[in-house]
Amino acid sequence: MVYISSSDALGQLMLSGDTEAYIVKISPKESTLTNGVDYCYVGLKCKNGTNYSVQACGKEARELHEQATIMATRSIMLVSSTVPEKLPGLNLP
């Protein structure tokens, strides 16, 4: 599969009926590499046990972080009324 950007990859993985992925980790919002470039990591787990990671640098990292945070928050709201900080395995910034 070909993706236009990291945000596109995240969206395709999350919305694909084949993978049934959910977000298990998002790097902190202000993460940077040692050279000062913005960085974002999103960890995904599929119901079939496959793990994926989506990573981005620079402006794309900021966009990926925003999209991942929105997607993770929406899935929590649809599935549970539990406070996100209390859910095991989910590390929201």
PDB file of N, CA and C in Angstrom:
ATOM      1  N   MET A   1       0.834  -1.170   0.000  1.00  0.00           N
ATOM      2  CA  MET A   1       0.000   0.000   0.000  1.00  0.00           C
ATOM      3  C   MET A   1       0.891   1.250   0.000  1.00  0.00           C
ATOM      4  N   VAL A   2       0.474   2.283  -0.697  1.00  0.00           N
ATOM      5  CA  VAL A   2       1.235   3.526  -0.777  1.00  0.00           C
ATOM      6  C   VAL A   2       0.469   4.620  -0.036  1.00  0.00           C
ATOM      7  N   TYR A   3       1.207   5.380   0.770  1.00  0.00           N
ATOM      8  CA  TYR A   3       0.609   6.464   1.541  1.00  0.00           C
ATOM      9  C   TYR A   3       1.217   7.791   1.126  1.00  0.00           C
ATOM     10  N   ILE A   4       0.421   8.838   1.128  1.00  0.00           N
ATOM     11  CA  ILE A   4       0.877  10.178   0.760  1.00  0.00           C
ATOM     12  C   ILE A   4       1.672  10.801   1.899  1.00  0.00           C
ATOM     13  N   SER A   5       1.270  10.526   3.134  1.00  0.00           N
ATOM     14  CA  SER A   5       1.907  11.117   4.316  1.00  0.00           C
ATOM     15  C   SER A   5       1.688  10.191   5.507  1.00  0.00           C
ATOM     16  N   SER A   6       2.292  10.533   6.620  1.00  0.00           N
ATOM     17  CA  SER A   6       2.096   9.737   7.836  1.00  0.00           C
ATOM     18  C   SER A   6       0.650   9.832   8.322  1.00  0.00           C
ATOM     19  N   SER A   7       0.036  10.989   8.166  1.00  0.00           N
ATOM     20  CA  SER A   7      -1.370  11.147   8.558  1.00  0.00           C
ATOM     21  C   SER A   7      -2.270  10.270   7.690  1.00  0.00           C
ATOM     22  N   ASP A   8      -1.939  10.175   6.401  1.00  0.00           N
ATOM     23  CA  ASP A   8      -2.682   9.313   5.489  1.00  0.00           C
ATOM     24  C   ASP A   8      -2.532   7.847   5.914  1.00  0.00           C
ATOM     25  N   ALA A   9      -1.313   7.449   6.261  1.00  0.00           N
ATOM     26  CA  ALA A   9      -1.069   6.071   6.705  1.00  0.00           C
ATOM     27  C   ALA A   9      -1.882   5.761   7.959  1.00  0.00           C
ATOM     28  N   LEU A  10      -1.863   6.681   8.914  1.00  0.00           N
ATOM     29  CA  LEU A  10      -2.623   6.489  10.150  1.00  0.00           C
ATOM     30  C   LEU A  10      -4.110   6.342   9.847  1.00  0.00           C
ATOM     31  N   GLY A  11      -4.633   7.235   9.026  1.00  0.00           N
ATOM     32  CA  GLY A  11      -6.053   7.179   8.684  1.00  0.00           C
ATOM     33  C   GLY A  11      -6.425   5.883   7.996  1.00  0.00           C
ATOM     34  N   GLN A  12      -5.597   5.432   7.046  1.00  0.00           N
ATOM     35  CA  GLN A  12      -5.885   4.192   6.330  1.00  0.00           C
ATOM     36  C   GLN A  12      -5.861   2.984   7.270  1.00  0.00           C
ATOM     37  N   LEU A  13      -4.874   2.947   8.159  1.00  0.00           N
ATOM     38  CA  LEU A  13      -4.796   1.825   9.102  1.00  0.00           C
ATOM     39  C   LEU A  13      -5.968   1.816  10.070  1.00  0.00           C
ATOM     40  N   MET A  14      -6.352   2.987  10.546  1.00  0.00           N
ATOM     41  CA  MET A  14      -7.442   3.067  11.516  1.00  0.00           C
ATOM     42  C   MET A  14      -8.804   2.768  10.892  1.00  0.00           C
ATOM     43  N   LEU A  15      -8.988   3.124   9.638  1.00  0.00           N
ATOM     44  CA  LEU A  15     -10.299   2.991   9.008  1.00  0.00           C
ATOM     45  C   LEU A  15     -10.470   1.699   8.218  1.00  0.00           C
ATOM     46  N   SER A  16      -9.379   0.975   7.996  1.00  0.00           N
ATOM     47  CA  SER A  16      -9.448  -0.251   7.225  1.00  0.00           C
ATOM     48  C   SER A  16     -10.141  -1.347   8.029  1.00  0.00           C
ATOM     49  N   GLY A  17     -11.121  -1.958   7.435  1.00  0.00           N
ATOM     50  CA  GLY A  17     -11.809  -3.068   8.090  1.00  0.00           C
ATOM     51  C   GLY A  17     -10.913  -4.292   8.210  1.00  0.00           C
ATOM     52  N   ASP A  18      -9.870  -4.359   7.375  1.00  0.00           N
ATOM     53  CA  ASP A  18      -8.953  -5.499   7.399  1.00  0.00           C
ATOM     54  C   ASP A  18      -8.067  -5.495   8.644  1.00  0.00           C
ATOM     55  N   THR A  19      -7.633  -4.308   9.075  1.00  0.00           N
ATOM     56  CA  THR A  19      -6.681  -4.238  10.184  1.00  0.00           C
ATOM     57  C   THR A  19      -7.353  -4.065  11.536  1.00  0.00           C
ATOM     58  N   GLU A  20      -8.459  -3.350  11.595  1.00  0.00           N
ATOM     59  CA  GLU A  20      -9.128  -3.049  12.864  1.00  0.00           C
ATOM     60  C   GLU A  20      -8.110  -2.600  13.910  1.00  0.00           C
ATOM     61  N   ALA A  21      -7.374  -1.541  13.581  1.00  0.00           N
ATOM     62  CA  ALA A  21      -6.304  -1.045  14.443  1.00  0.00           C
ATOM     63  C   ALA A  21      -6.827  -0.053  15.477  1.00  0.00           C
ATOM     64  N   TYR A  22      -6.096   0.034  16.573  1.00  0.00           N
ATOM     65  CA  TYR A  22      -6.371   1.047  17.585  1.00  0.00           C
ATOM     66  C   TYR A  22      -5.039   1.597  18.089  1.00  0.00           C
ATOM     67  N   ILE A  23      -5.064   2.841  18.538  1.00  0.00           N
ATOM     68  CA  ILE A  23      -3.859   3.535  18.971  1.00  0.00           C
ATOM     69  C   ILE A  23      -3.518   3.123  20.403  1.00  0.00           C
ATOM     70  N   VAL A  24      -2.258   2.729  20.618  1.00  0.00           N
ATOM     71  CA  VAL A  24      -1.817   2.346  21.953  1.00  0.00           C
ATOM     72  C   VAL A  24      -0.812   3.342  22.539  1.00  0.00           C
ATOM     73  N   LYS A  25      -0.190   4.161  21.694  1.00  0.00           N
ATOM     74  CA  LYS A  25       0.783   5.137  22.209  1.00  0.00           C
ATOM     75  C   LYS A  25       0.924   6.299  21.235  1.00  0.00           C
ATOM     76  N   ILE A  26       1.002   7.488  21.812  1.00  0.00           N
ATOM     77  CA  ILE A  26       1.300   8.709  21.057  1.00  0.00           C
ATOM     78  C   ILE A  26       2.428   9.409  21.807  1.00  0.00           C
ATOM     79  N   SER A  27       3.480   9.792  21.082  1.00  0.00           N
ATOM     80  CA  SER A  27       4.578  10.498  21.739  1.00  0.00           C
ATOM     81  C   SER A  27       4.079  11.843  22.266  1.00  0.00           C
ATOM     82  N   PRO A  28       4.764  12.404  23.270  1.00  0.00           N
ATOM     83  CA  PRO A  28       4.363  13.711  23.803  1.00  0.00           C
ATOM     84  C   PRO A  28       4.344  14.783  22.707  1.00  0.00           C
ATOM     85  N   LYS A  29       3.474  15.755  22.870  1.00  0.00           N
ATOM     86  CA  LYS A  29       3.249  16.782  21.847  1.00  0.00           C
ATOM     87  C   LYS A  29       4.512  17.524  21.441  1.00  0.00           C
ATOM     88  N   GLU A  30       5.350  17.867  22.358  1.00  0.00           N
ATOM     89  CA  GLU A  30       6.536  18.678  22.058  1.00  0.00           C
ATOM     90  C   GLU A  30       7.802  17.840  21.865  1.00  0.00           C
ATOM     91  N   SER A  31       7.677  16.605  21.411  1.00  0.00           N
ATOM     92  CA  SER A  31       8.853  15.752  21.203  1.00  0.00           C
ATOM     93  C   SER A  31       9.709  16.290  20.065  1.00  0.00           C
ATOM     94  N   THR A  32      11.026  16.266  20.292  1.00  0.00           N
ATOM     95  CA  THR A  32      11.965  16.692  19.248  1.00  0.00           C
ATOM     96  C   THR A  32      13.127  15.712  19.188  1.00  0.00           C
ATOM     97  N   LEU A  33      13.758  15.669  18.031  1.00  0.00           N
ATOM     98  CA  LEU A  33      14.977  14.893  17.865  1.00  0.00           C
ATOM     99  C   LEU A  33      16.132  15.683  18.465  1.00  0.00           C
ATOM    100  N   THR A  34      17.304  15.086  18.575  1.00  0.00           N
ATOM    101  CA  THR A  34      18.445  15.777  19.171  1.00  0.00           C
ATOM    102  C   THR A  34      18.863  17.012  18.379  1.00  0.00           C
ATOM    103  N   ASN A  35      18.501  17.062  17.088  1.00  0.00           N
ATOM    104  CA  ASN A  35      18.832  18.240  16.277  1.00  0.00           C
ATOM    105  C   ASN A  35      17.744  19.317  16.336  1.00  0.00           C
ATOM    106  N   GLY A  36      16.723  19.123  17.183  1.00  0.00           N
ATOM    107  CA  GLY A  36      15.688  20.128  17.371  1.00  0.00           C
ATOM    108  C   GLY A  36      14.474  20.004  16.464  1.00  0.00           C
ATOM    109  N   VAL A  37      14.465  19.042  15.558  1.00  0.00           N
ATOM    110  CA  VAL A  37      13.339  18.863  14.634  1.00  0.00           C
ATOM    111  C   VAL A  37      12.192  18.167  15.372  1.00  0.00           C
ATOM    112  N   ASP A  38      10.968  18.669  15.172  1.00  0.00           N
ATOM    113  CA  ASP A  38       9.785  18.056  15.779  1.00  0.00           C
ATOM    114  C   ASP A  38       9.666  16.601  15.319  1.00  0.00           C
ATOM    115  N   TYR A  39       9.177  15.757  16.227  1.00  0.00           N
ATOM    116  CA  TYR A  39       9.066  14.325  15.951  1.00  0.00           C
ATOM    117  C   TYR A  39       7.788  13.790  16.580  1.00  0.00           C
ATOM    118  N   CYS A  40       7.140  12.851  15.896  1.00  0.00           N
ATOM    119  CA  CYS A  40       5.958  12.198  16.447  1.00  0.00           C
ATOM    120  C   CYS A  40       5.988  10.708  16.129  1.00  0.00           C
ATOM    121  N   TYR A  41       5.614   9.915  17.113  1.00  0.00           N
ATOM    122  CA  TYR A  41       5.500   8.464  16.985  1.00  0.00           C
ATOM    123  C   TYR A  41       4.099   8.069  17.421  1.00  0.00           C
ATOM    124  N   VAL A  42       3.449   7.226  16.623  1.00  0.00           N
ATOM    125  CA  VAL A  42       2.142   6.690  16.989  1.00  0.00           C
ATOM    126  C   VAL A  42       2.236   5.171  16.883  1.00  0.00           C
ATOM    127  N   GLY A  43       1.948   4.493  17.992  1.00  0.00           N
ATOM    128  CA  GLY A  43       1.942   3.034  18.007  1.00  0.00           C
ATOM    129  C   GLY A  43       0.527   2.520  17.832  1.00  0.00           C
ATOM    130  N   LEU A  44       0.383   1.541  16.958  1.00  0.00           N
ATOM    131  CA  LEU A  44      -0.923   0.945  16.674  1.00  0.00           C
ATOM    132  C   LEU A  44      -0.871  -0.553  16.899  1.00  0.00           C
ATOM    133  N   LYS A  45      -1.974  -1.102  17.316  1.00  0.00           N
ATOM    134  CA  LYS A  45      -2.095  -2.547  17.464  1.00  0.00           C
ATOM    135  C   LYS A  45      -3.370  -2.978  16.753  1.00  0.00           C
ATOM    136  N   CYS A  46      -3.270  -4.052  16.009  1.00  0.00           N
ATOM    137  CA  CYS A  46      -4.434  -4.587  15.296  1.00  0.00           C
ATOM    138  C   CYS A  46      -5.026  -5.748  16.081  1.00  0.00           C
ATOM    139  N   LYS A  47      -6.283  -5.992  15.857  1.00  0.00           N
ATOM    140  CA  LYS A  47      -6.958  -7.068  16.573  1.00  0.00           C
ATOM    141  C   LYS A  47      -6.376  -8.437  16.235  1.00  0.00           C
ATOM    142  N   ASN A  48      -5.673  -8.547  15.096  1.00  0.00           N
ATOM    143  CA  ASN A  48      -5.045  -9.826  14.745  1.00  0.00           C
ATOM    144  C   ASN A  48      -3.658  -9.971  15.374  1.00  0.00           C
ATOM    145  N   GLY A  49      -3.234  -8.978  16.193  1.00  0.00           N
ATOM    146  CA  GLY A  49      -1.960  -9.049  16.889  1.00  0.00           C
ATOM    147  C   GLY A  49      -0.809  -8.326  16.205  1.00  0.00           C
ATOM    148  N   THR A  50      -1.009  -7.826  14.996  1.00  0.00           N
ATOM    149  CA  THR A  50       0.032  -7.097  14.279  1.00  0.00           C
ATOM    150  C   THR A  50       0.214  -5.714  14.886  1.00  0.00           C
ATOM    151  N   ASN A  51       1.462  -5.290  15.028  1.00  0.00           N
ATOM    152  CA  ASN A  51       1.779  -3.958  15.532  1.00  0.00           C
ATOM    153  C   ASN A  51       2.306  -3.090  14.398  1.00  0.00           C
ATOM    154  N   TYR A  52       1.930  -1.819  14.409  1.00  0.00           N
ATOM    155  CA  TYR A  52       2.424  -0.850  13.440  1.00  0.00           C
ATOM    156  C   TYR A  52       2.926   0.373  14.191  1.00  0.00           C
ATOM    157  N   SER A  53       3.882   1.064  13.586  1.00  0.00           N
ATOM    158  CA  SER A  53       4.264   2.373  14.098  1.00  0.00           C
ATOM    159  C   SER A  53       4.270   3.337  12.926  1.00  0.00           C
ATOM    160  N   VAL A  54       3.769   4.523  13.186  1.00  0.00           N
ATOM    161  CA  VAL A  54       3.770   5.593  12.193  1.00  0.00           C
ATOM    162  C   VAL A  54       4.596   6.718  12.793  1.00  0.00           C
ATOM    163  N   GLN A  55       5.576   7.205  12.039  1.00  0.00           N
ATOM    164  CA  GLN A  55       6.479   8.241  12.533  1.00  0.00           C
ATOM    165  C   GLN A  55       6.559   9.384  11.535  1.00  0.00           C
ATOM    166  N   ALA A  56       6.825  10.573  12.060  1.00  0.00           N
ATOM    167  CA  ALA A  56       6.952  11.748  11.197  1.00  0.00           C
ATOM    168  C   ALA A  56       7.863  12.772  11.846  1.00  0.00           C
ATOM    169  N   CYS A  57       8.425  13.642  11.013  1.00  0.00           N
ATOM    170  CA  CYS A  57       9.292  14.733  11.482  1.00  0.00           C
ATOM    171  C   CYS A  57       8.789  16.064  10.927  1.00  0.00           C
ATOM    172  N   GLY A  58       9.147  17.152  11.622  1.00  0.00           N
ATOM    173  CA  GLY A  58       8.828  18.495  11.154  1.00  0.00           C
ATOM    174  C   GLY A  58       7.345  18.804  11.213  1.00  0.00           C
ATOM    175  N   LYS A  59       6.873  19.537  10.225  1.00  0.00           N
ATOM    176  CA  LYS A  59       5.465  19.941  10.170  1.00  0.00           C
ATOM    177  C   LYS A  59       4.548  18.716  10.136  1.00  0.00           C
ATOM    178  N   GLU A  60       4.982  17.688   9.421  1.00  0.00           N
ATOM    179  CA  GLU A  60       4.185  16.472   9.335  1.00  0.00           C
ATOM    180  C   GLU A  60       4.019  15.820  10.715  1.00  0.00           C
ATOM    181  N   ALA A  61       5.021  15.963  11.581  1.00  0.00           N
ATOM    182  CA  ALA A  61       4.930  15.419  12.945  1.00  0.00           C
ATOM    183  C   ALA A  61       3.825  16.120  13.727  1.00  0.00           C
ATOM    184  N   ARG A  62       3.745  17.425  13.596  1.00  0.00           N
ATOM    185  CA  ARG A  62       2.700  18.175  14.300  1.00  0.00           C
ATOM    186  C   ARG A  62       1.311  17.765  13.800  1.00  0.00           C
ATOM    187  N   GLU A  63       1.185  17.578  12.483  1.00  0.00           N
ATOM    188  CA  GLU A  63      -0.093  17.160  11.905  1.00  0.00           C
ATOM    189  C   GLU A  63      -0.463  15.749  12.351  1.00  0.00           C
ATOM    190  N   LEU A  64       0.517  14.845  12.356  1.00  0.00           N
ATOM    191  CA  LEU A  64       0.272  13.469  12.788  1.00  0.00           C
ATOM    192  C   LEU A  64      -0.168  13.442  14.246  1.00  0.00           C
ATOM    193  N   HIS A  65       0.497  14.205  15.096  1.00  0.00           N
ATOM    194  CA  HIS A  65       0.146  14.229  16.520  1.00  0.00           C
ATOM    195  C   HIS A  65      -1.290  14.709  16.713  1.00  0.00           C
ATOM    196  N   GLU A  66      -1.648  15.753  16.014  1.00  0.00           N
ATOM    197  CA  GLU A  66      -3.011  16.284  16.127  1.00  0.00           C
ATOM    198  C   GLU A  66      -4.045  15.257  15.681  1.00  0.00           C
ATOM    199  N   GLN A  67      -3.810  14.631  14.531  1.00  0.00           N
ATOM    200  CA  GLN A  67      -4.757  13.655  14.016  1.00  0.00           C
ATOM    201  C   GLN A  67      -4.845  12.438  14.937  1.00  0.00           C
ATOM    202  N   ALA A  68      -3.715  11.951  15.416  1.00  0.00           N
ATOM    203  CA  ALA A  68      -3.722  10.772  16.283  1.00  0.00           C
ATOM    204  C   ALA A  68      -4.451  11.054  17.591  1.00  0.00           C
ATOM    205  N   THR A  69      -4.234  12.230  18.144  1.00  0.00           N
ATOM    206  CA  THR A  69      -4.898  12.591  19.400  1.00  0.00           C
ATOM    207  C   THR A  69      -6.412  12.654  19.199  1.00  0.00           C
ATOM    208  N   ILE A  70      -6.847  13.238  18.096  1.00  0.00           N
ATOM    209  CA  ILE A  70      -8.279  13.304  17.796  1.00  0.00           C
ATOM    210  C   ILE A  70      -8.856  11.902  17.618  1.00  0.00           C
ATOM    211  N   MET A  71      -8.156  11.072  16.847  1.00  0.00           N
ATOM    212  CA  MET A  71      -8.658   9.711  16.590  1.00  0.00           C
ATOM    213  C   MET A  71      -8.709   8.888  17.876  1.00  0.00           C
ATOM    214  N   ALA A  72      -7.688   8.991  18.711  1.00  0.00           N
ATOM    215  CA  ALA A  72      -7.669   8.235  19.968  1.00  0.00           C
ATOM    216  C   ALA A  72      -8.783   8.702  20.891  1.00  0.00           C
ATOM    217  N   THR A  73      -8.999  10.001  20.970  1.00  0.00           N
ATOM    218  CA  THR A  73     -10.042  10.553  21.825  1.00  0.00           C
ATOM    219  C   THR A  73     -11.419  10.131  21.332  1.00  0.00           C
ATOM    220  N   ARG A  74     -11.630  10.181  20.030  1.00  0.00           N
ATOM    221  CA  ARG A  74     -12.931   9.773  19.479  1.00  0.00           C
ATOM    222  C   ARG A  74     -13.208   8.312  19.758  1.00  0.00           C
ATOM    223  N   SER A  75     -12.208   7.440  19.592  1.00  0.00           N
ATOM    224  CA  SER A  75     -12.453   6.016  19.818  1.00  0.00           C
ATOM    225  C   SER A  75     -12.749   5.739  21.284  1.00  0.00           C
ATOM    226  N   ILE A  76     -12.143   6.486  22.195  1.00  0.00           N
ATOM    227  CA  ILE A  76     -12.438   6.326  23.620  1.00  0.00           C
ATOM    228  C   ILE A  76     -13.868   6.757  23.902  1.00  0.00           C
ATOM    229  N   MET A  77     -14.287   7.871  23.305  1.00  0.00           N
ATOM    230  CA  MET A  77     -15.638   8.384  23.543  1.00  0.00           C
ATOM    231  C   MET A  77     -16.685   7.426  23.007  1.00  0.00           C
ATOM    232  N   LEU A  78     -16.406   6.765  21.883  1.00  0.00           N
ATOM    233  CA  LEU A  78     -17.370   5.845  21.299  1.00  0.00           C
ATOM    234  C   LEU A  78     -17.457   4.532  22.069  1.00  0.00           C
ATOM    235  N   VAL A  79     -16.353   4.118  22.672  1.00  0.00           N
ATOM    236  CA  VAL A  79     -16.286   2.819  23.307  1.00  0.00           C
ATOM    237  C   VAL A  79     -16.587   2.874  24.801  1.00  0.00           C
ATOM    238  N   SER A  80     -16.119   3.920  25.475  1.00  0.00           N
ATOM    239  CA  SER A  80     -16.194   3.914  26.935  1.00  0.00           C
ATOM    240  C   SER A  80     -16.372   5.318  27.495  1.00  0.00           C
ATOM    241  N   SER A  81     -17.014   5.380  28.630  1.00  0.00           N
ATOM    242  CA  SER A  81     -17.129   6.657  29.325  1.00  0.00           C
ATOM    243  C   SER A  81     -16.013   6.815  30.355  1.00  0.00           C
ATOM    244  N   THR A  82     -15.054   5.890  30.385  1.00  0.00           N
ATOM    245  CA  THR A  82     -13.937   5.931  31.322  1.00  0.00           C
ATOM    246  C   THR A  82     -12.998   7.073  30.966  1.00  0.00           C
ATOM    247  N   VAL A  83     -12.415   7.704  31.973  1.00  0.00           N
ATOM    248  CA  VAL A  83     -11.452   8.780  31.756  1.00  0.00           C
ATOM    249  C   VAL A  83     -10.229   8.204  31.035  1.00  0.00           C
ATOM    250  N   PRO A  84      -9.732   8.836  29.937  1.00  0.00           N
ATOM    251  CA  PRO A  84      -8.629   8.286  29.155  1.00  0.00           C
ATOM    252  C   PRO A  84      -7.387   7.938  29.965  1.00  0.00           C
ATOM    253  N   GLU A  85      -7.053   8.731  30.978  1.00  0.00           N
ATOM    254  CA  GLU A  85      -5.853   8.462  31.763  1.00  0.00           C
ATOM    255  C   GLU A  85      -5.950   7.133  32.510  1.00  0.00           C
ATOM    256  N   LYS A  86      -7.153   6.634  32.693  1.00  0.00           N
ATOM    257  CA  LYS A  86      -7.343   5.407  33.455  1.00  0.00           C
ATOM    258  C   LYS A  86      -7.346   4.160  32.577  1.00  0.00           C
ATOM    259  N   LEU A  87      -7.333   4.324  31.255  1.00  0.00           N
ATOM    260  CA  LEU A  87      -7.361   3.169  30.376  1.00  0.00           C
ATOM    261  C   LEU A  87      -5.980   2.553  30.266  1.00  0.00           C
ATOM    262  N   PRO A  88      -5.842   1.252  30.481  1.00  0.00           N
ATOM    263  CA  PRO A  88      -4.537   0.600  30.409  1.00  0.00           C
ATOM    264  C   PRO A  88      -4.015   0.592  28.967  1.00  0.00           C
ATOM    265  N   GLY A  89      -2.738   0.819  28.815  1.00  0.00           N
ATOM    266  CA  GLY A  89      -2.106   0.724  27.506  1.00  0.00           C
ATOM    267  C   GLY A  89      -2.195   1.951  26.646  1.00  0.00           C
ATOM    268  N   LEU A  90      -2.957   2.962  27.028  1.00  0.00           N
ATOM    269  CA  LEU A  90      -3.087   4.168  26.208  1.00  0.00           C
ATOM    270  C   LEU A  90      -2.347   5.304  26.885  1.00  0.00           C
ATOM    271  N   ASN A  91      -1.366   5.829  26.194  1.00  0.00           N
ATOM    272  CA  ASN A  91      -0.541   6.910  26.742  1.00  0.00           C
ATOM    273  C   ASN A  91      -0.792   8.178  25.971  1.00  0.00           C
ATOM    274  N   LEU A  92      -1.831   8.893  26.312  1.00  0.00           N
ATOM    275  CA  LEU A  92      -2.121  10.169  25.652  1.00  0.00           C
ATOM    276  C   LEU A  92      -1.261  11.247  26.285  1.00  0.00           C
ATOM    277  N   PRO A  93      -0.859  12.239  25.459  1.00  0.00           N
ATOM    278  CA  PRO A  93      -0.039  13.328  25.995  1.00  0.00           C
ATOM    279  C   PRO A  93      -0.804  14.188  26.980  1.00  0.00           C
TER     280      PRO A  93
END
